């Protein structure tokens, strides 16, 4: 971060009020780095699980980018986020659906700018997922379809099925097969579409009483069962494997799972993100508020490599956190 004070003290030419501001900022970041509390009885971490970075509250507007990355010249004014409903990221390309603006934006962290992604009215959006080609799938509750947009915002197709898809609530793309998996909250099952948009069948959990959202992880599909106050992990064969958080979660909503099988679940009851490792609660992060690392209605979580993106809806921002390695990895020699 620019402007930080080095070990040798104040930089040459740094004015006193700037030095004080930097010291205050560093103290704030140090405090925030400790905001994730470990669960009593577990060994303390060598470093924080979640380290916050600068949240995204808005950006200058740029023109839409072409499919080949050529940006049209010119920038517009600065636009503030109002009520982000969903955020998804892949290879540092970030899509944000904002319910206040009723738009999907694509944010470019290298340019510190965002562009209006498509003409689609995002007021009825329930979920998003990014495919390997950086195209975007959107679960639209207004039409009960899944809309597939190209990288440059063109509508490619609309996926639906009268007998199996009534209220799409969660989306997962299988990178290996190109299949799209859609969780339906009305039928309480997962619909499997092949890469051509045809329905192959459905997967139904016997343990899940409802499906609020869904993520893909090392053990299959992770279903947020809001009624059952738990996360049900179902294999790709449709068989239930195990349950997480049934003695901990109160009002779960959003979910993300990393490659180490760490499960991040937002809980509306206390505005926290609960982190599960080895099927047990490992950390409880956040709390109600508008200060950094606190939340006011988390509507979506997304993981991109070692970065967690949080749609902090009523605070009008996307909070961003860097993830530490699991304890076992931290103890391994370099």
Protein backbone atom coordinates (compact mmCIF):
# COMPACT_ATOMS: atom_id res chain seq x y z
CA UNK A 1 0.00 0.00 0.00
CA UNK A 2 1.44 3.41 -0.95
CA UNK A 3 2.27 5.86 1.80
CA UNK A 4 3.17 3.29 4.49
CA UNK A 5 5.92 4.12 6.97
CA UNK A 6 8.97 1.88 6.65
CA UNK A 7 11.04 0.35 9.40
CA UNK A 8 13.44 3.21 9.32
CA UNK A 9 10.80 5.72 10.38
CA UNK A 10 9.21 8.53 8.40
CA UNK A 11 10.08 8.80 4.74
CA UNK A 12 12.12 11.87 3.71
CA UNK A 13 9.85 14.76 2.84
CA UNK A 14 6.76 13.18 4.42
CA UNK A 15 4.74 15.89 6.14
CA UNK A 16 3.80 15.31 9.82
CA UNK A 17 0.04 15.08 9.28
CA UNK A 18 0.63 12.45 6.56
CA UNK A 19 2.78 10.41 8.92
CA UNK A 20 0.08 10.51 11.58
CA UNK A 21 -2.52 9.44 9.03
CA UNK A 22 -0.33 6.55 7.92
CA UNK A 23 0.23 5.44 11.50
CA UNK A 24 -3.49 5.53 12.18
CA UNK A 25 -4.18 3.55 9.03
CA UNK A 26 -1.61 0.92 9.92
CA UNK A 27 -3.07 0.62 13.40
CA UNK A 28 -6.54 0.18 11.94
CA UNK A 29 -5.35 -2.53 9.55
CA UNK A 30 -3.54 -4.30 12.39
CA UNK A 31 -6.75 -4.29 14.41
CA UNK A 32 -8.81 -5.55 11.47
CA UNK A 33 -6.37 -8.38 10.82
CA UNK A 34 -7.35 -9.79 14.21
CA UNK A 35 -11.10 -9.52 13.60
CA UNK A 36 -11.48 -13.22 12.82
CA UNK A 37 -11.68 -14.96 16.18
CA UNK A 38 -10.54 -18.55 16.54
CA UNK A 39 -12.89 -20.95 18.25
CA UNK A 40 -11.97 -21.74 21.89
CA UNK A 41 -10.17 -25.05 22.26
CA UNK A 42 -8.37 -24.83 18.92
CA UNK A 43 -4.72 -23.91 18.53
CA UNK A 44 -4.23 -20.20 17.67
CA UNK A 45 -3.19 -19.34 14.14
CA UNK A 46 0.26 -18.15 13.25
CA UNK A 47 -1.39 -15.40 11.18
CA UNK A 48 -4.97 -14.18 10.68
CA UNK A 49 -7.30 -16.28 8.56
CA UNK A 50 -8.84 -13.23 6.85
CA UNK A 51 -6.97 -9.98 6.27
CA UNK A 52 -9.10 -7.10 4.96
CA UNK A 53 -7.97 -4.84 2.14
CA UNK A 54 -9.55 -1.69 0.79
CA UNK A 55 -13.29 -2.28 0.21
CA UNK A 56 -14.90 -1.43 -3.11
CA UNK A 57 -17.62 1.19 -2.68
CA UNK A 58 -17.62 2.58 -6.21
CA UNK A 59 -15.37 3.47 -9.12
CA UNK A 60 -15.04 5.70 -12.11
CA UNK A 61 -17.03 4.50 -15.09
CA UNK A 62 -15.33 3.38 -18.28
CA UNK A 63 -16.65 2.27 -21.62
CA UNK A 64 -17.47 -1.40 -22.21
CA UNK A 65 -14.50 -3.55 -23.23
CA UNK A 66 -14.48 -5.64 -26.34
CA UNK A 67 -14.12 -9.42 -26.29
CA UNK A 68 -10.42 -9.04 -27.12
CA UNK A 69 -9.69 -6.66 -24.28
CA UNK A 70 -9.48 -3.41 -26.30
CA UNK A 71 -10.99 -0.63 -24.23
CA UNK A 72 -12.91 2.13 -25.93
CA UNK A 73 -11.45 5.53 -25.02
CA UNK A 74 -12.96 7.80 -22.44
CA UNK A 75 -14.18 7.63 -18.85
CA UNK A 76 -17.41 8.82 -17.30
CA UNK A 77 -18.14 9.98 -13.78
CA UNK A 78 -17.68 8.17 -10.51
CA UNK A 79 -20.51 5.76 -9.59
CA UNK A 80 -21.12 4.56 -6.04
CA UNK A 81 -22.51 1.12 -5.32
CA UNK A 82 -25.94 1.20 -3.70
CA UNK A 83 -27.07 -2.33 -2.82
CA UNK A 84 -24.81 -5.06 -4.23
CA UNK A 85 -26.74 -8.33 -4.48
CA UNK A 86 -24.02 -10.58 -5.86
CA UNK A 87 -20.32 -10.54 -6.65
CA UNK A 88 -18.34 -13.15 -8.57
CA UNK A 89 -14.68 -13.12 -9.56
CA UNK A 90 -12.44 -15.23 -11.74
CA UNK A 91 -8.84 -14.52 -12.72
CA UNK A 92 -9.25 -11.04 -11.21
CA UNK A 93 -12.24 -10.22 -13.42
CA UNK A 94 -15.00 -9.07 -11.06
CA UNK A 95 -18.72 -8.89 -11.82
CA UNK A 96 -21.01 -6.99 -9.44
CA UNK A 97 -24.81 -7.03 -9.57
CA UNK A 98 -26.26 -3.95 -7.87
CA UNK A 99 -29.94 -3.91 -6.93
CA UNK A 100 -30.02 -0.14 -6.48
CA UNK A 101 -28.73 0.56 -9.97
CA UNK A 102 -30.44 -2.57 -11.36
CA UNK A 103 -27.29 -3.24 -13.34
CA UNK A 104 -24.37 -5.62 -13.60
CA UNK A 105 -20.97 -3.96 -13.60
CA UNK A 106 -17.60 -5.45 -14.48
CA UNK A 107 -14.80 -4.06 -12.35
CA UNK A 108 -11.22 -3.87 -13.61
CA UNK A 109 -8.83 -3.75 -10.62
CA UNK A 110 -5.89 -2.79 -12.85
CA UNK A 111 -7.70 0.32 -14.11
CA UNK A 112 -9.61 0.96 -10.87
CA UNK A 113 -12.67 1.40 -13.06
CA UNK A 114 -15.88 -0.41 -13.81
CA UNK A 115 -18.08 -0.67 -16.86
CA UNK A 116 -21.76 -1.30 -17.36
CA UNK A 117 -21.74 -4.94 -18.44
CA UNK A 118 -25.08 -5.45 -20.18
CA UNK A 119 -28.54 -3.99 -20.74
CA UNK A 120 -30.08 -6.70 -18.54
CA UNK A 121 -32.22 -5.33 -15.69
CA UNK A 122 -30.62 -6.96 -12.66
CA UNK A 123 -33.49 -6.32 -10.25
CA UNK A 124 -34.54 -9.98 -10.20
CA UNK A 125 -31.08 -11.53 -10.04
CA UNK A 126 -30.62 -14.39 -7.53
CA UNK A 127 -27.13 -15.73 -8.31
CA UNK A 128 -24.20 -15.47 -10.73
CA UNK A 129 -21.26 -17.62 -11.76
CA UNK A 130 -18.33 -17.06 -14.13
CA UNK A 131 -17.36 -19.73 -16.67
CA UNK A 132 -13.74 -20.48 -17.66
CA UNK A 133 -14.12 -18.31 -20.79
CA UNK A 134 -15.19 -15.42 -18.50
CA UNK A 135 -18.76 -15.55 -19.77
CA UNK A 136 -21.40 -14.98 -17.11
CA UNK A 137 -24.42 -17.05 -16.05
CA UNK A 138 -27.21 -15.22 -14.21
CA UNK A 139 -30.11 -16.82 -12.30
CA UNK A 140 -33.10 -14.61 -13.08
CA UNK A 141 -36.09 -14.97 -10.75
CA UNK A 142 -38.29 -12.73 -12.91
CA UNK A 143 -38.29 -15.22 -15.80
CA UNK A 144 -37.25 -18.34 -13.82
CA UNK A 145 -34.48 -18.85 -16.37
CA UNK A 146 -30.70 -18.80 -16.35
CA UNK A 147 -29.29 -16.20 -18.74
CA UNK A 148 -25.91 -16.78 -20.35
CA UNK A 149 -23.96 -13.66 -21.36
CA UNK A 150 -20.76 -13.55 -23.39
CA UNK A 151 -17.61 -11.91 -22.04
CA UNK A 152 -18.61 -8.62 -23.70
CA UNK A 153 -22.20 -8.63 -22.40
CA UNK A 154 -24.14 -10.16 -25.29
CA UNK A 155 -26.99 -12.50 -24.38
CA UNK A 156 -26.07 -15.92 -25.79
CA UNK A 157 -29.03 -17.99 -24.60
CA UNK A 158 -31.71 -18.42 -21.98
CA UNK A 159 -31.88 -21.75 -20.17
CA UNK A 160 -35.06 -23.05 -18.61
CA UNK A 161 -37.21 -26.14 -18.20
CA UNK A 162 -40.90 -26.06 -17.36
CA UNK A 163 -40.97 -29.23 -15.27
CA UNK A 164 -37.69 -28.93 -13.36
CA UNK A 165 -36.72 -25.26 -13.07
CA UNK A 166 -39.07 -22.86 -11.30
CA UNK A 167 -36.96 -20.68 -8.99
CA UNK A 168 -33.19 -20.74 -9.67
CA UNK A 169 -31.22 -19.91 -6.52
CA UNK A 170 -27.64 -21.14 -7.02
CA UNK A 171 -25.26 -21.74 -9.92
CA UNK A 172 -22.15 -23.86 -10.41
CA UNK A 173 -20.15 -24.45 -13.60
CA UNK A 174 -18.25 -27.73 -13.94
CA UNK A 175 -15.02 -26.65 -15.64
CA UNK A 176 -14.14 -30.17 -16.76
CA UNK A 177 -17.42 -31.02 -18.51
CA UNK A 178 -18.91 -27.61 -19.23
CA UNK A 179 -22.08 -28.61 -17.39
CA UNK A 180 -24.13 -25.99 -15.60
CA UNK A 181 -25.72 -26.98 -12.30
CA UNK A 182 -28.68 -24.93 -11.12
CA UNK A 183 -30.13 -25.17 -7.61
CA UNK A 184 -33.90 -24.67 -7.59
CA UNK A 185 -35.39 -23.43 -4.31
CA UNK A 186 -38.98 -24.37 -5.20
CA UNK A 187 -38.39 -27.98 -6.27
CA UNK A 188 -35.50 -28.28 -3.81
CA UNK A 189 -33.20 -30.04 -6.26
CA UNK A 190 -30.29 -29.34 -8.60
CA UNK A 191 -30.88 -29.32 -12.36
CA UNK A 192 -27.97 -30.41 -14.58
CA UNK A 193 -27.63 -28.80 -18.02
CA UNK A 194 -25.04 -30.02 -20.52
CA UNK A 195 -22.80 -27.63 -22.44
CA UNK A 196 -25.48 -27.30 -25.15
CA UNK A 197 -28.13 -26.19 -22.67
CA UNK A 198 -30.10 -29.44 -22.53
CA UNK A 199 -31.33 -30.90 -19.25
CA UNK A 200 -29.51 -34.13 -18.37
CA UNK A 201 -31.35 -34.78 -15.12
CA UNK A 202 -31.69 -33.66 -11.52
CA UNK A 203 -29.88 -34.30 -8.24
CA UNK A 204 -31.88 -34.26 -5.01
CA UNK A 205 -30.56 -34.28 -1.48
CA UNK A 206 -32.48 -36.25 1.14
CA UNK A 207 -30.92 -34.21 3.96
CA UNK A 208 -31.60 -30.67 2.70
CA UNK A 209 -34.96 -29.18 3.66
CA UNK A 210 -34.34 -26.19 1.38
CA UNK A 211 -31.68 -24.73 -0.92
CA UNK A 212 -30.84 -21.07 -0.38
CA UNK A 213 -27.52 -21.06 -2.27
CA UNK A 214 -24.90 -23.46 -3.58
CA UNK A 215 -21.15 -23.75 -4.12
CA UNK A 216 -18.74 -26.29 -5.60
CA UNK A 217 -15.94 -27.73 -3.47
CA UNK A 218 -13.57 -30.69 -3.22
CA UNK A 219 -16.33 -33.03 -1.94
CA UNK A 220 -19.05 -32.05 -4.43
CA UNK A 221 -21.94 -29.59 -4.10
CA UNK A 222 -22.39 -27.60 -0.89
CA UNK A 223 -26.06 -26.68 -0.35
CA UNK A 224 -27.10 -23.99 2.11
CA UNK A 225 -30.21 -25.36 3.82
CA UNK A 226 -31.68 -22.27 5.44
CA UNK A 227 -34.68 -24.06 6.91
CA UNK A 228 -32.52 -26.83 8.38
CA UNK A 229 -29.87 -24.30 9.51
CA UNK A 230 -27.07 -26.33 8.00
CA UNK A 231 -24.91 -26.98 4.96
CA UNK A 232 -25.50 -30.31 3.22
CA UNK A 233 -22.64 -31.67 1.14
CA UNK A 234 -23.86 -33.79 -1.76
CA UNK A 235 -21.61 -35.75 -4.11
CA UNK A 236 -21.78 -35.23 -7.85
CA UNK A 237 -23.66 -38.54 -7.99
CA UNK A 238 -26.52 -37.00 -5.98
CA UNK A 239 -25.79 -38.88 -2.76
CA UNK A 240 -25.59 -37.01 0.53
CA UNK A 241 -22.14 -37.18 2.11
CA UNK A 242 -22.21 -35.16 5.33
CA UNK A 243 -23.67 -32.12 7.06
CA UNK A 244 -21.87 -29.01 8.38
CA UNK A 245 -22.94 -26.42 10.92
CA UNK A 246 -26.22 -27.95 12.09
CA UNK A 247 -25.30 -27.07 15.68
CA UNK A 248 -23.81 -23.65 14.86
CA UNK A 249 -25.64 -21.85 12.05
CA UNK A 250 -28.75 -19.81 12.84
CA UNK A 251 -29.78 -18.16 9.57
CA UNK A 252 -27.32 -19.13 6.79
CA UNK A 253 -27.48 -17.43 3.41
CA UNK A 254 -24.33 -17.29 1.23
CA UNK A 255 -21.51 -19.79 0.79
CA UNK A 256 -18.06 -20.20 -0.75
CA UNK A 257 -15.63 -23.13 -0.57
CA UNK A 258 -11.89 -23.03 -1.26
CA UNK A 259 -9.56 -25.70 -2.65
CA UNK A 260 -8.57 -26.73 0.90
CA UNK A 261 -12.21 -27.58 1.67
CA UNK A 262 -12.61 -24.62 3.98
CA UNK A 263 -16.27 -23.63 3.97
CA UNK A 264 -17.27 -19.95 4.38
CA UNK A 265 -20.93 -19.38 5.30
CA UNK A 266 -22.63 -16.06 6.02
CA UNK A 267 -25.11 -16.01 8.89
CA UNK A 268 -27.81 -13.34 8.85
CA UNK A 269 -28.53 -13.93 12.54
CA UNK A 270 -25.41 -12.06 13.68
CA UNK A 271 -23.98 -10.73 10.38
CA UNK A 272 -20.91 -12.96 10.54
CA UNK A 273 -18.99 -15.26 8.26
CA UNK A 274 -18.47 -18.64 9.89
CA UNK A 275 -15.52 -20.68 8.67
CA UNK A 276 -15.53 -24.47 8.88
CA UNK A 277 -12.44 -26.65 8.61
CA UNK A 278 -12.58 -30.45 8.81
CA UNK A 279 -16.38 -30.06 9.19
CA UNK A 280 -15.97 -28.10 12.44
CA UNK A 281 -16.31 -24.39 13.20
CA UNK A 282 -12.82 -22.89 13.05
CA UNK A 283 -13.48 -19.14 13.11
CA UNK A 284 -16.25 -16.60 13.44
CA UNK A 285 -15.61 -13.38 11.55
CA UNK A 286 -17.32 -10.00 11.50
CA UNK A 287 -20.50 -8.82 13.22
CA UNK A 288 -23.15 -6.16 12.68
CA UNK A 289 -22.01 -2.65 11.76
CA UNK A 290 -20.70 -0.35 9.07
CA UNK A 291 -17.05 -0.26 10.11
CA UNK A 292 -14.42 -2.22 8.16
CA UNK A 293 -14.72 -6.00 8.62
CA UNK A 294 -18.29 -5.73 9.90
CA UNK A 295 -21.39 -6.38 7.82
CA UNK A 296 -24.99 -5.42 7.22
CA UNK A 297 -26.70 -8.26 5.32
CA UNK A 298 -24.26 -10.38 3.38
CA UNK A 299 -25.97 -11.46 0.16
CA UNK A 300 -23.17 -13.25 -1.69
CA UNK A 301 -19.68 -14.68 -1.26
CA UNK A 302 -17.15 -15.42 -3.99
CA UNK A 303 -13.63 -16.86 -3.94
CA UNK A 304 -10.96 -16.17 -6.53
CA UNK A 305 -7.69 -17.93 -5.72
CA UNK A 306 -6.80 -16.64 -2.22
CA UNK A 307 -9.20 -13.69 -2.19
CA UNK A 308 -12.69 -13.63 -0.68
CA UNK A 309 -15.24 -11.12 -2.01
CA UNK A 310 -18.25 -10.27 0.17
CA UNK A 311 -21.38 -8.46 -1.07
CA UNK A 312 -22.10 -6.32 2.00
CA UNK A 313 -25.45 -5.22 0.64
CA UNK A 314 -26.96 -2.70 3.05
CA UNK A 315 -23.56 -1.08 3.58
CA UNK A 316 -23.33 -0.54 -0.18
CA UNK A 317 -19.91 -2.10 -0.67
CA UNK A 318 -17.90 -5.13 -1.67
CA UNK A 319 -15.52 -6.12 1.12
CA UNK A 320 -12.34 -7.91 0.07
CA UNK A 321 -10.18 -10.22 2.21
CA UNK A 322 -6.98 -12.12 1.61
CA UNK A 323 -6.99 -15.70 2.92
CA UNK A 324 -4.19 -17.30 4.90
CA UNK A 325 -3.16 -20.88 4.20
CA UNK A 326 -4.63 -23.61 6.42
CA UNK A 327 -2.78 -24.38 9.65
CA UNK A 328 -1.20 -27.51 8.21
CA UNK A 329 0.17 -25.57 5.23
CA UNK A 330 1.49 -22.80 7.48
CA UNK A 331 3.60 -25.30 9.39
CA UNK A 332 5.11 -26.82 6.23
CA UNK A 333 8.64 -25.62 5.30
CA UNK A 334 8.98 -23.34 2.31
